[in-house]
Every structure is written in structure tokens, then in C-alpha cells.
Amino acid sequence: MSSIRLLDAGLFGLAAVLLYKVLSRKSGLPLPPGPKGWPLIGNALEFPSSKAWTTFAKWGEQWGGIMSINVMGQTIIIVNDPQIAVNLLDKAGSELSDRPVLPMASLCGWDRVLSAARAGPRLREIRKLIGRVIGTRGSLVKFYPSQDYQATMFLKRVMDDPTKLDEATRKTAGAMVLHITYGYKIQEEGVDPLVGLADRALSEFSAITTPGAFLVDMMPALKYVPDWFPGASFKQQAKKYHKSCDDLADVPLNWIRGQIAKGEAGPSYTHDLLMDKNISEERMERIKWSSASFYGAGADTSVSVIYSYFLATTLYPEVEKKAHAEIDSVIGRDRLPGYEDRASLPYVNAICKELLRWLPIVPLAVPHRATRDIIFDDYSIPEGSLVMANCWKFLHDPDVYRDPFTFNPDRFMGPEPEQDPADFCFGFGRRVCPGTHLADASIYIAIVKAVSAFSVSKAIGPDGKEIIPVADTTEGVIVRPKPFECNVKPRHEKIPQLVADVLAHHEAAI
């Protein structure tokens, strides 16, 4: 069959699917409003190729808090109103707990991680495994020493070379989550192999899950074309990315199993789960991918928030001044803060909240998939529809957050604080992130240590003028600030010795 006949057959099939969807809509109610599309391809030509969250927010100004588009026969419901997101995704949780099949992600093996797992017994068991170890704030206490150690190591890494802030941030994020997940301590010299592996795999994941990045996600039938077919280079790319995904799960798991066999494994998430007797092959697969999911999501979350802190304090020096005043008042200058100080540091806690809101880590929540026809607010949401919550819009809504593009922790202070961004940042319904408490603890300890130890200021360019960075992010499902320049130095002369003392204490306790 010629390529033209293949195209004709594909268009016929697409038309048949569209006709079936129209005829099979049971409720008779309309879809939520949205831009009118073209025959067969719908709104495919309008679908944003970058920063979809800003385009969706603009569409929401015209079409309202809940709207719909059609891309090559796929109905997509976009939610730009936070209350609608809660009412729909939380209250219809069982019907919207599924994930879509993302052809490129599946070809690369990423359908095995928690965030992309389909609804069913496997998903429930992986979430149960994670909840068993880190499901409550109390269960995290045993991990506090690891988190405190890595947050202090971050201070040392930055002081060793302040010009490599980005590298120190990525190394610390990887080190912290590797230590908690597998009990693995990274090598300080050069790029640690497991940190490098995580950076590569998660960068690839972000690329393949960017909306509109691959045509196969809009036309799933393309996954069946031969590797040699014109335009099928994505299949070769998928094979390469599949290996990275496999390695992300296999390499650290094999390492800790070796440590256990030698009797040298320390406490960790995976170690706790591997202590069960008579682990079946199926259970081992779920332990492996729950660990990889935990490891992968935690690393990117910490990188984004820590790096955002330095961007925020570069642009808003008054924030750092207030934070330093609080630290000096509560902690003084003779020690570094820890978890025991958290309740006494409201402004530092407000900074942590504002970091989640200002440049959200996941601007668009991972899509939910309707497993049956749903009626919501006199609209039809047909079975198979994708529901996307625009978290970026929720967190920059001027009706919720005053002057939303300004970094201002004071919005969370006083008797009438603005809404906690954590309500929107960690998912909805039955797909809420099970590692929320761990993320919260990791963010706090990294930020409070950085506040206590450093003074941040604008870098000076070759022309002698201050370099003013731009508050912008990378693309992808999980984003981080774009690289920027700033000056970082210890905020007083005792800091290097305090850091050395804390590290010596931790190392003596190991």
C-alpha cells in the first residue's frame, strides 16, 4: 500500500472515530465551550507547542473556568478555575483516576512510573507501598537526619564553588532523594553516576511529555509504522529513552540489593520494603517502580524549589532581609536551624509556600482520563476525555492571589493568609501525590539552611552593571527556572565552621 493510500485510510479511520464519538454521546448535553476547530483535526493547529498553561489561561478568559478542545478526535477538558478542579477531580475521583495512554511515553517505558500508571490494582499497590513508608508526617521523622545532612552538604557545595549554583542544586536534589530512597551516598568529586542517570532520564521524560512535542501523541496509529518509514525517527529516539528509563529503576535497585546481601545497607525507603520475606516477582516489580517513581519525582521537585529560592532572593532582596532577621531573632548565629525550629519560623515557612506558587513545579497537572461519561455542571464529559487542571492559572489568579506575579511571602502571613499553594501543587482526587509530606519536609530543610547560611545579590556584568535575571522556566511537565547569574556568599564569618560542625556530627552518627 502506498503512503498516500495509508494516509487516506488513516483519515477515514479518524473520521469514523469522530462520528462514533458524536453518535455515542449518551447524555445529549453539550461539551464545555471552547474554540471552534477544523473538520477531522479539530484544534490541532491551535494547540500550543510551548508553555501551554499560559495559552490555556488566555483561552479561559474567553471560554470560562471549564472549557473543551478537540485534538485529532481526542476531547480535552481544560480547567482554569480552582474550585471547578476540586469539585470535578476530587468529587468524581473514581471516574477520573485513570491516566491517558501517551504513545511516546509508553514507547519509552515511562508508563510504568506512578504518575503515568493506569488505574487498577497495580496503581493501588504502588500507592499503598509508598504510603506505608512515607504516608504520614510522623513516618518521615526517621528520614530527617538524611535530609538534614544533605541540606547541610548543599551549603558546603555552594561555598566550595559559588559559581556553580545550578550544579550544586542538582547534585543536592539527587543526593537527598537517593539517600532516602536507597540509602545511597553520592560521590562528591565530579558527576555521581546515579545523579547523572537521574538528570538524563528526567530530562528525557520532560521532553517526551511536553504537550504537542510528538506527532505520535496526536496520531497514535503512527506507533505501528515501521522504523524505516519516513518521519518515524521518533521510534529510534524511543529506544534510546527506554534504556534510560530502565536504568533509572534497575541500577539503584541492584545496588541496594547488593548492599543488603553484604549486610551493609542503611535505612531507606527501598530497604524497608525489601525486608519483607518471600517477595513475589510481581511484588518486586512494584517495589522497583514505586522506588523509581519516588526517586524521579523527588529529585526534580527539590531542584526546582531550591533554585527558585536563589532566583527570588536575587530579584527581591527585601525578602532575604526579612528572612535573615527572623533567623537571627529565633536561631541566632551560633548554630544552623533544623526541623525542630520549624514552628518558630513563620516567615521562612511562608517563603516555602511562595516558592511553590510563584514558579510552580508542575504548571499543568498530569491529565486525568474519564473512565465513563460524566455530567458536570450541565456539561457532558464523555468517556475517554482528558481533563487537564491548569495549576499555573490557579496560582496566578488575581482573584485568589494579590499581585500574583510578584514574589511576596507576606501573602501567607497574618490572620487572613491567602490560599495555601499546596492545595493545587500536588495533584487532585485519587492521583494526589503520595509523597506530599516528604516534598514538604525536603523543601523546608533545604530553604531554611540556605536562608541561614547565605547572602544573595545580583551579579555584575562586564559593563559594571547589575545583571537582572528573568523569572522564567524551562518547558515540560516538570519545570525549573532557566539558568541565571547571581552572587552567593556566607552571610557571616561563623557559617563555614557551623557547616563543618554539623557535617562532622552527622558523619560520626553514621
Protein backbone atom coordinates (compact mmCIF):
# COMPACT_ATOMS: atom_id res chain seq x y z
CA MET A 1 0.00 0.00 0.00
CA SER A 2 1.43 3.42 -0.94
CA SER A 3 1.97 6.16 1.61
CA ILE A 4 -0.96 8.10 0.03
CA ARG A 5 -3.30 5.14 0.50
CA LEU A 6 -2.05 4.77 4.07
CA LEU A 7 -2.89 8.43 4.71
CA ASP A 8 -6.35 8.01 3.14
CA ALA A 9 -7.02 5.00 5.33
CA GLY A 10 -5.86 6.90 8.41
CA LEU A 11 -8.13 9.85 7.65
CA PHE A 12 -11.08 7.52 7.07
CA GLY A 13 -10.41 5.81 10.38
CA LEU A 14 -10.18 9.15 12.17
CA ALA A 15 -13.46 10.29 10.64
CA ALA A 16 -15.09 7.06 11.79
CA VAL A 17 -13.85 7.57 15.32
CA LEU A 18 -15.16 11.16 15.38
CA LEU A 19 -18.55 10.05 14.07
CA TYR A 20 -18.72 7.27 16.66
CA LYS A 21 -17.92 9.69 19.48
CA VAL A 22 -20.63 12.12 18.37
CA LEU A 23 -23.28 9.42 17.94
CA SER A 24 -22.41 7.61 21.17
CA ARG A 25 -22.63 10.63 23.47
CA LYS A 26 -25.36 9.44 25.80
CA SER A 27 -26.31 12.49 27.82
CA GLY A 28 -27.32 14.79 24.97
CA LEU A 29 -25.69 17.63 26.90
CA PRO A 30 -23.09 19.84 25.24
CA LEU A 31 -19.39 19.74 25.87
CA PRO A 32 -17.94 22.69 27.80
CA PRO A 33 -17.46 25.66 25.44
CA GLY A 34 -14.26 26.23 23.51
CA PRO A 35 -12.74 27.42 20.25
CA LYS A 36 -14.26 26.03 17.09
CA GLY A 37 -11.93 23.61 15.37
CA TRP A 38 -11.43 22.31 11.85
CA PRO A 39 -13.03 19.17 10.42
CA LEU A 40 -11.14 15.98 11.35
CA ILE A 41 -8.17 17.69 13.05
CA GLY A 42 -10.20 19.82 15.47
CA ASN A 43 -7.99 22.33 17.32
CA ALA A 44 -4.71 20.59 16.48
CA LEU A 45 -3.33 23.65 14.67
CA GLU A 46 -4.09 25.89 17.66
CA PHE A 47 -2.65 23.58 20.29
CA PRO A 48 0.31 25.38 21.90
CA SER A 49 3.76 23.89 21.36
CA SER A 50 5.27 25.70 24.36
CA LYS A 51 4.06 26.91 27.75
CA ALA A 52 0.58 25.57 27.14
CA TRP A 53 -0.51 26.79 30.58
CA THR A 54 -0.34 30.45 29.53
CA THR A 55 -2.31 29.80 26.34
CA PHE A 56 -4.94 27.84 28.27
CA ALA A 57 -5.22 30.69 30.77
CA LYS A 58 -5.87 33.16 27.91
CA TRP A 59 -8.46 30.82 26.43
CA GLY A 60 -10.10 30.65 29.84
CA GLU A 61 -10.66 34.41 29.80
CA GLN A 62 -12.91 33.87 26.80
CA TRP A 63 -14.40 30.45 27.43
CA GLY A 64 -14.61 30.30 31.21
CA GLY A 65 -13.35 28.16 34.06
CA ILE A 66 -14.08 24.90 32.26
CA MET A 67 -13.68 24.60 28.51
CA SER A 68 -13.02 21.96 25.90
CA ILE A 69 -10.97 21.48 22.75
CA ASN A 70 -10.64 18.60 20.31
CA VAL A 71 -7.27 17.45 19.01
CA MET A 72 -7.43 14.83 16.26
CA GLY A 73 -10.57 13.31 17.76
CA GLN A 74 -9.41 13.47 21.39
CA THR A 75 -11.62 15.57 23.66
CA ILE A 76 -9.58 17.60 26.15
CA ILE A 77 -11.28 19.37 29.05
CA ILE A 78 -9.23 22.30 30.37
CA VAL A 79 -9.98 23.56 33.87
CA ASN A 80 -8.87 27.13 34.63
CA ASP A 81 -10.89 27.58 37.83
CA PRO A 82 -9.51 26.03 41.05
CA GLN A 83 -12.90 25.40 42.62
CA ILE A 84 -14.07 23.59 39.49
CA ALA A 85 -10.92 21.47 39.63
CA VAL A 86 -11.68 20.49 43.23
CA ASN A 87 -15.37 19.83 42.53
CA LEU A 88 -14.66 17.78 39.42
CA LEU A 89 -11.42 15.93 40.14
CA ASP A 90 -11.94 15.35 43.85
CA LYS A 91 -15.65 14.61 43.89
CA ALA A 92 -15.61 12.46 40.73
CA GLY A 93 -12.34 10.88 41.80
CA SER A 94 -13.18 7.28 40.95
CA GLU A 95 -14.24 8.12 37.39
CA LEU A 96 -11.21 10.38 36.86
CA SER A 97 -8.41 8.37 38.49
CA ASP A 98 -7.11 6.98 35.21
CA ARG A 99 -4.29 8.36 33.08
CA PRO A 100 -4.26 8.65 29.30
CA VAL A 101 -2.16 6.41 27.15
CA LEU A 102 0.64 8.69 25.94
CA PRO A 103 2.08 6.79 22.97
CA MET A 104 5.55 8.34 23.07
CA ALA A 105 5.86 7.93 26.84
CA SER A 106 4.72 4.31 26.53
CA LEU A 107 7.22 3.61 23.76
CA CYS A 108 9.91 4.96 26.10
CA GLY A 109 8.77 2.82 29.05
CA TRP A 110 7.51 5.68 31.21
CA ASP A 111 4.02 4.20 31.51
CA ARG A 112 5.46 2.10 34.36
CA VAL A 113 6.06 5.02 36.76
CA LEU A 114 3.43 6.11 39.24
CA SER A 115 2.50 9.41 37.61
CA ALA A 116 1.61 7.69 34.31
CA ALA A 117 0.26 4.37 35.65
CA ARG A 118 -3.23 3.40 34.55
CA ALA A 119 -5.97 2.99 37.15
CA GLY A 120 -6.20 -0.50 38.58
CA PRO A 121 -4.66 -2.93 41.09
CA ARG A 122 -1.05 -2.10 40.16
CA LEU A 123 -1.58 1.61 40.77
CA ARG A 124 -3.30 0.96 44.09
CA GLU A 125 -0.49 -1.30 45.31
CA ILE A 126 2.27 1.13 44.34
CA ARG A 127 0.47 3.96 46.15
CA LYS A 128 -0.02 1.65 49.15
CA LEU A 129 3.70 0.81 49.21
CA ILE A 130 4.65 4.50 49.19
CA GLY A 131 2.03 5.36 51.80
CA ARG A 132 3.26 2.58 54.06
CA VAL A 133 6.74 4.14 54.33
CA ILE A 134 6.13 7.91 53.94
CA GLY A 135 2.36 8.30 54.13
CA THR A 136 2.27 10.43 57.29
CA ARG A 137 4.33 13.26 58.71
CA GLY A 138 5.25 11.02 61.63
CA SER A 139 6.63 8.32 59.34
CA LEU A 140 9.13 10.81 57.91
CA VAL A 141 10.92 11.51 61.19
CA LYS A 142 13.36 8.64 60.64
CA PHE A 143 14.46 10.30 57.39
CA TYR A 144 15.12 13.72 58.97
CA PRO A 145 18.83 13.03 59.65
CA SER A 146 19.41 12.14 55.96
CA GLN A 147 17.58 15.24 54.79
CA ASP A 148 19.38 17.50 57.28
CA TYR A 149 22.75 16.06 56.26
CA GLN A 150 22.14 16.60 52.54
CA ALA A 151 20.78 20.12 53.08
CA THR A 152 23.96 20.95 55.00
CA MET A 153 26.09 19.35 52.30
CA PHE A 154 24.40 21.73 49.88
CA LEU A 155 25.78 24.67 51.84
CA LYS A 156 29.27 23.19 51.59
CA ARG A 157 28.92 22.52 47.86
CA VAL A 158 27.90 26.13 47.21
CA MET A 159 30.67 27.55 49.39
CA ASP A 160 33.22 25.34 47.61
CA ASP A 161 32.28 26.96 44.28
CA PRO A 162 29.57 29.66 44.34
CA THR A 163 29.76 29.98 40.53
CA LYS A 164 28.24 26.50 40.15
CA LEU A 165 24.97 27.05 41.99
CA ASP A 166 22.95 25.14 39.39
CA GLU A 167 25.28 22.13 39.61
CA ALA A 168 25.23 22.17 43.43
CA THR A 169 21.43 22.34 43.40
CA ARG A 170 21.06 19.38 41.04
CA LYS A 171 23.63 17.34 42.93
CA THR A 172 21.93 18.04 46.26
CA ALA A 173 18.45 17.20 44.99
CA GLY A 174 19.68 13.91 43.57
CA ALA A 175 21.73 13.16 46.69
CA MET A 176 18.84 13.82 49.05
CA VAL A 177 16.33 11.61 47.27
CA LEU A 178 18.87 8.85 46.56
CA HIS A 179 19.82 8.78 50.23
CA ILE A 180 16.20 8.50 51.35
CA THR A 181 15.09 6.11 48.61
CA TYR A 182 18.04 3.72 48.52
CA GLY A 183 20.41 4.71 51.34
CA TYR A 184 22.96 5.70 48.70
CA LYS A 185 25.56 8.41 49.40
CA ILE A 186 26.80 10.11 46.28
CA GLN A 187 30.41 10.74 45.33
CA GLU A 188 31.37 14.39 45.75
CA GLU A 189 34.02 14.59 43.04
CA GLY A 190 32.70 15.04 39.52
CA VAL A 191 29.25 13.86 38.45
CA ASP A 192 27.94 10.96 40.50
CA PRO A 193 26.77 8.18 38.13
CA LEU A 194 23.32 7.85 39.71
CA VAL A 195 22.75 11.61 39.86
CA GLY A 196 23.80 11.83 36.21
CA LEU A 197 21.46 8.98 35.34
CA ALA A 198 18.52 10.68 37.06
CA ASP A 199 19.26 14.03 35.39
CA ARG A 200 19.35 12.41 31.95
CA ALA A 201 16.26 10.25 32.41
CA LEU A 202 14.13 13.02 33.91
CA SER A 203 15.20 15.47 31.20
CA GLU A 204 14.06 12.94 28.61
CA PHE A 205 10.79 12.37 30.47
CA SER A 206 10.09 16.09 30.48
CA ALA A 207 10.79 16.28 26.74
CA ILE A 208 8.53 13.38 25.75
CA THR A 209 5.60 14.52 27.90
CA THR A 210 5.54 18.11 26.66
CA PRO A 211 2.11 18.58 25.04
CA GLY A 212 2.34 18.58 21.24
CA ALA A 213 6.03 17.62 21.15
CA PHE A 214 5.49 14.39 19.20
CA LEU A 215 3.01 13.80 16.40
CA VAL A 216 2.50 10.20 17.55
CA ASP A 217 0.74 11.55 20.65
CA MET A 218 -1.85 13.22 18.41
CA MET A 219 -2.00 10.33 15.92
CA PRO A 220 -1.39 7.16 17.96
CA ALA A 221 -1.63 4.92 14.89
CA LEU A 222 1.83 6.19 13.93
CA LYS A 223 3.36 3.94 16.58
CA TYR A 224 2.66 0.99 14.25
CA VAL A 225 4.64 2.33 11.30
CA PRO A 226 7.97 0.58 10.60
CA ASP A 227 11.16 2.12 11.94
CA TRP A 228 12.33 2.87 8.40
CA PHE A 229 9.14 4.75 7.44
CA PRO A 230 9.66 8.47 6.64
CA GLY A 231 9.04 10.54 9.77
CA ALA A 232 9.46 7.57 12.12
CA SER A 233 12.72 8.78 13.68
CA PHE A 234 10.80 9.10 16.96
CA LYS A 235 10.93 5.30 17.23
CA GLN A 236 14.73 5.28 17.30
CA GLN A 237 14.61 8.05 19.89
CA ALA A 238 12.16 5.99 21.95
CA LYS A 239 14.55 3.02 22.06
CA LYS A 240 17.30 5.23 23.45
CA TYR A 241 14.99 6.78 26.03
CA HIS A 242 13.62 3.38 27.03
CA LYS A 243 17.09 2.34 28.19
CA SER A 244 17.38 5.45 30.36
CA CYS A 245 14.02 4.65 31.94
CA ASP A 246 15.05 1.03 32.58
CA ASP A 247 18.34 2.16 34.11
CA LEU A 248 16.57 4.65 36.40
CA ALA A 249 14.73 1.74 38.02
CA ASP A 250 17.26 -1.11 37.72
CA VAL A 251 20.64 0.42 38.57
CA PRO A 252 19.89 1.77 42.08
CA LEU A 253 17.72 -1.26 42.92
CA ASN A 254 20.56 -3.63 42.03
CA TRP A 255 22.91 -1.52 44.12
CA ILE A 256 20.82 -1.73 47.30
CA ARG A 257 20.14 -5.43 46.83
CA GLY A 258 23.89 -5.90 46.73
CA GLN A 259 24.27 -3.85 49.91
CA ILE A 260 21.64 -5.94 51.67
CA ALA A 261 23.38 -9.15 50.58
CA LYS A 262 26.62 -7.86 52.14
CA GLY A 263 24.85 -6.70 55.31
CA GLU A 264 25.86 -3.09 54.63
CA ALA A 265 22.52 -1.46 53.78
CA GLY A 266 21.39 1.51 55.83
CA PRO A 267 17.76 2.54 56.42
CA SER A 268 15.90 3.72 53.33
CA TYR A 269 12.52 3.54 51.62
CA THR A 270 13.51 0.61 49.40
CA HIS A 271 15.36 -1.20 52.19
CA ASP A 272 12.20 -1.15 54.33
CA LEU A 273 10.16 -2.75 51.54
CA LEU A 274 12.80 -5.34 50.67
CA MET A 275 12.81 -6.61 54.25
CA ASP A 276 9.53 -8.46 53.60
CA LYS A 277 10.01 -12.20 53.31
CA ASN A 278 9.06 -14.18 50.20
CA ILE A 279 8.67 -11.24 47.82
CA SER A 280 6.94 -12.42 44.65
CA GLU A 281 8.14 -11.41 41.19
CA GLU A 282 5.06 -9.20 40.81
CA ARG A 283 5.67 -7.54 44.18
CA MET A 284 9.33 -6.96 43.30
CA GLU A 285 8.28 -5.23 40.08
CA ARG A 286 6.05 -2.90 42.06
CA ILE A 287 8.70 -2.18 44.67
CA LYS A 288 11.13 -1.37 41.85
CA TRP A 289 8.82 1.08 40.12
CA SER A 290 7.49 2.64 43.30
CA SER A 291 11.13 3.37 44.25
CA ALA A 292 11.92 4.75 40.79
CA SER A 293 8.79 6.94 40.90
CA PHE A 294 9.69 8.20 44.36
CA TYR A 295 13.28 8.85 43.29
CA GLY A 296 12.43 10.52 39.98
CA ALA A 297 9.70 12.84 41.23
CA GLY A 298 11.59 13.86 44.36
CA ALA A 299 14.75 14.85 42.53
CA ASP A 300 13.07 17.25 40.11
CA THR A 301 10.85 18.79 42.80
CA SER A 302 13.78 19.71 45.03
CA VAL A 303 15.87 21.09 42.15
CA SER A 304 13.13 23.46 41.07
CA VAL A 305 12.31 24.83 44.50
CA ILE A 306 15.90 25.30 45.73
CA TYR A 307 16.95 27.01 42.51
CA SER A 308 13.83 29.20 42.59
CA TYR A 309 14.82 30.43 46.06
CA PHE A 310 18.07 31.92 44.77
CA LEU A 311 16.27 33.50 41.81
CA ALA A 312 13.63 35.00 44.12
CA THR A 313 16.15 36.46 46.57
CA THR A 314 18.21 37.87 43.69
CA LEU A 315 15.17 39.73 42.41
CA TYR A 316 13.59 40.54 45.79
CA PRO A 317 16.37 41.37 48.31
CA GLU A 318 13.81 42.64 50.83
CA VAL A 319 12.58 39.03 51.21
CA GLU A 320 16.02 37.82 52.18
CA LYS A 321 16.41 40.73 54.63
CA LYS A 322 13.20 39.74 56.47
CA ALA A 323 14.19 36.08 56.49
CA HIS A 324 17.63 36.86 57.90
CA ALA A 325 16.04 38.96 60.64
CA GLU A 326 13.76 36.07 61.62
CA ILE A 327 16.64 33.57 61.66
CA ASP A 328 18.80 35.86 63.80
CA SER A 329 15.92 36.51 66.21
CA VAL A 330 14.91 32.86 66.65
CA ILE A 331 18.10 30.88 65.99
CA GLY A 332 20.91 33.38 66.49
CA ARG A 333 24.29 32.97 64.79
CA ASP A 334 25.79 30.15 66.83
CA ARG A 335 24.05 27.22 65.12
CA LEU A 336 22.21 26.20 61.95
CA PRO A 337 18.44 25.66 62.05
CA GLY A 338 16.78 22.25 61.85
CA TYR A 339 13.36 20.63 61.81
CA GLU A 340 12.83 21.37 65.50
CA ASP A 341 12.76 25.11 64.67
CA ARG A 342 10.08 24.99 62.00
CA ALA A 343 7.13 26.09 64.13
CA SER A 344 9.10 29.16 65.27
CA LEU A 345 9.92 30.39 61.75
CA PRO A 346 6.65 31.55 60.13
CA TYR A 347 8.31 33.78 57.54
CA VAL A 348 10.63 31.01 56.32
CA ASN A 349 7.59 28.75 56.03
CA ALA A 350 5.83 31.50 54.06
CA ILE A 351 8.84 31.60 51.68
CA CYS A 352 8.45 27.85 51.10
CA LYS A 353 4.79 28.34 50.20
CA GLU A 354 5.53 31.25 47.90
CA LEU A 355 8.19 29.22 46.09
CA LEU A 356 5.55 26.62 45.26
CA ARG A 357 3.19 29.33 43.99
CA TRP A 358 5.46 31.76 42.14
CA LEU A 359 7.07 29.38 39.61
CA PRO A 360 5.05 26.17 40.05
CA ILE A 361 6.97 22.94 39.52
CA VAL A 362 4.13 21.32 37.56
CA PRO A 363 2.26 24.13 35.77
CA LEU A 364 -0.22 21.71 34.19
CA ALA A 365 -1.35 18.80 36.31
CA VAL A 366 -0.78 15.44 34.63
CA PRO A 367 -4.00 14.71 32.66
CA HIS A 368 -6.76 12.61 34.17
CA ARG A 369 -8.81 10.32 31.92
CA ALA A 370 -12.57 9.80 32.26
CA THR A 371 -13.42 6.11 32.54
CA ARG A 372 -17.11 6.71 31.88
CA ASP A 373 -19.42 9.50 30.71
CA ILE A 374 -19.67 12.24 33.35
CA ILE A 375 -22.19 15.04 33.69
CA PHE A 376 -20.75 18.12 35.36
CA ASP A 377 -22.48 21.46 35.74
CA ASP A 378 -24.83 20.74 32.79
CA TYR A 379 -21.92 19.76 30.55
CA SER A 380 -21.02 16.38 29.14
CA ILE A 381 -17.55 14.95 29.72
CA PRO A 382 -17.52 11.85 27.53
CA GLU A 383 -15.73 8.64 28.43
CA GLY A 384 -12.13 8.81 27.25
CA SER A 385 -11.87 12.60 27.66
CA LEU A 386 -8.69 14.02 29.15
CA VAL A 387 -9.08 16.52 31.98
CA MET A 388 -6.20 18.96 32.48
CA ALA A 389 -6.05 21.24 35.52
CA ASN A 390 -4.18 24.48 34.80
CA CYS A 391 -2.33 24.80 38.11
CA TRP A 392 -0.31 27.75 36.81
CA LYS A 393 -3.56 29.68 36.31
CA PHE A 394 -4.84 28.72 39.77
CA LEU A 395 -1.63 30.01 41.34
CA HIS A 396 -1.61 33.27 39.35
CA ASP A 397 -5.28 34.13 39.64
CA PRO A 398 -5.57 37.76 40.84
CA ASP A 399 -8.89 36.88 42.49
CA VAL A 400 -7.02 34.45 44.75
CA TYR A 401 -3.52 35.95 44.98
CA ARG A 402 -2.97 39.71 45.10
CA ASP A 403 -0.37 40.89 42.58
CA PRO A 404 0.27 37.24 41.58
CA PHE A 405 3.44 37.72 39.53
CA THR A 406 5.29 39.31 42.47
CA PHE A 407 7.22 37.09 44.88
CA ASN A 408 5.71 38.05 48.23
CA PRO A 409 5.76 35.61 51.18
CA ASP A 410 3.83 38.14 53.28
CA ARG A 411 0.69 37.00 51.48
CA PHE A 412 0.76 33.92 53.75
CA MET A 413 1.38 35.84 56.99
CA GLY A 414 -1.12 37.34 59.42
CA PRO A 415 -4.67 36.39 60.43
CA GLU A 416 -6.03 36.18 56.87
CA PRO A 417 -3.42 34.43 54.70
CA GLU A 418 -4.07 33.73 51.05
CA GLN A 419 -4.79 30.17 49.97
CA ASP A 420 -2.07 27.59 50.57
CA PRO A 421 -0.50 26.71 47.18
CA ALA A 422 -0.07 23.11 48.36
CA ASP A 423 -3.82 22.76 47.71
CA PHE A 424 -3.03 22.91 43.98
CA CYS A 425 0.59 21.77 43.61
CA PHE A 426 0.40 18.07 44.40
CA GLY A 427 -2.46 16.82 42.26
CA PHE A 428 -6.15 16.17 42.73
CA GLY A 429 -8.54 13.40 43.61
CA ARG A 430 -7.17 9.88 43.75
CA ARG A 431 -3.99 10.96 41.96
CA VAL A 432 -2.75 13.29 44.72
CA CYS A 433 0.99 12.79 45.09
CA PRO A 434 1.61 10.24 47.89
CA GLY A 435 4.97 11.89 48.58
CA THR A 436 3.49 15.26 49.54
CA HIS A 437 4.72 15.14 53.14
CA LEU A 438 8.24 14.17 52.04
CA ALA A 439 8.34 17.01 49.50
CA ASP A 440 7.21 19.48 52.14
CA ALA A 441 9.90 18.34 54.60
CA SER A 442 12.63 18.36 51.95
CA ILE A 443 11.73 21.85 50.75
CA TYR A 444 11.69 23.28 54.28
CA ILE A 445 15.07 21.94 55.36
CA ALA A 446 16.80 22.99 52.13
CA ILE A 447 15.36 26.51 52.24
CA VAL A 448 15.88 27.16 55.95
CA LYS A 449 19.52 26.11 55.68
CA ALA A 450 20.05 28.34 52.65
CA VAL A 451 18.39 31.30 54.37
CA SER A 452 20.54 30.89 57.46
CA ALA A 453 23.84 30.48 55.60
CA PHE A 454 23.86 32.77 52.56
CA SER A 455 23.52 36.30 51.32
CA VAL A 456 22.38 36.51 47.70
CA SER A 457 22.78 39.50 45.40
CA LYS A 458 22.73 40.38 41.72
CA ALA A 459 25.78 39.52 39.65
CA ILE A 460 27.73 42.32 37.97
CA GLY A 461 28.25 42.11 34.22
CA PRO A 462 31.37 43.03 32.21
CA ASP A 463 29.94 46.54 31.75
CA GLY A 464 29.85 47.07 35.51
CA LYS A 465 26.05 46.98 35.64
CA GLU A 466 23.86 44.61 37.63
CA ILE A 467 22.55 41.58 35.74
CA ILE A 468 18.82 41.31 36.37
CA PRO A 469 17.62 37.74 35.78
CA VAL A 470 14.26 36.89 34.22
CA ALA A 471 11.74 34.88 36.22
CA ASP A 472 11.07 32.25 33.57
CA THR A 473 11.08 28.47 33.42
CA THR A 474 12.01 25.63 31.13
CA GLU A 475 9.43 23.62 29.19
CA GLY A 476 7.96 20.25 30.14
CA VAL A 477 5.66 18.59 32.63
CA ILE A 478 8.10 19.38 35.45
CA VAL A 479 9.84 22.74 35.04
CA ARG A 480 12.65 24.63 36.72
CA PRO A 481 13.94 28.20 36.44
CA LYS A 482 16.07 28.94 33.41
CA PRO A 483 19.77 29.37 34.25
CA PHE A 484 20.65 32.76 35.71
CA GLU A 485 23.58 34.50 37.39
CA CYS A 486 23.81 35.73 40.97
CA ASN A 487 26.36 36.22 43.74
CA VAL A 488 26.20 33.90 46.75
CA LYS A 489 28.41 34.20 49.84
CA PRO A 490 28.27 33.17 53.53
CA ARG A 491 26.26 35.76 55.40
CA HIS A 492 28.63 35.90 58.38
CA GLU A 493 32.06 34.59 59.35
CA LYS A 494 30.81 31.69 61.50
CA ILE A 495 28.99 29.89 58.68
CA PRO A 496 31.87 27.74 57.34
CA GLN A 497 32.66 26.36 60.80
CA LEU A 498 28.98 25.78 61.64
CA VAL A 499 28.59 23.80 58.41
CA ALA A 500 31.70 21.75 59.18
CA ASP A 501 30.46 21.01 62.72
CA VAL A 502 27.04 19.79 61.53
CA LEU A 503 28.59 17.57 58.88
CA ALA A 504 31.05 16.09 61.39
CA HIS A 505 28.16 15.34 63.76
CA HIS A 506 26.19 13.55 61.04
CA GLU A 507 29.19 11.58 59.82
CA ALA A 508 30.04 10.47 63.36
CA ALA A 509 26.47 9.21 63.76
CA ILE A 510 26.56 7.06 60.60
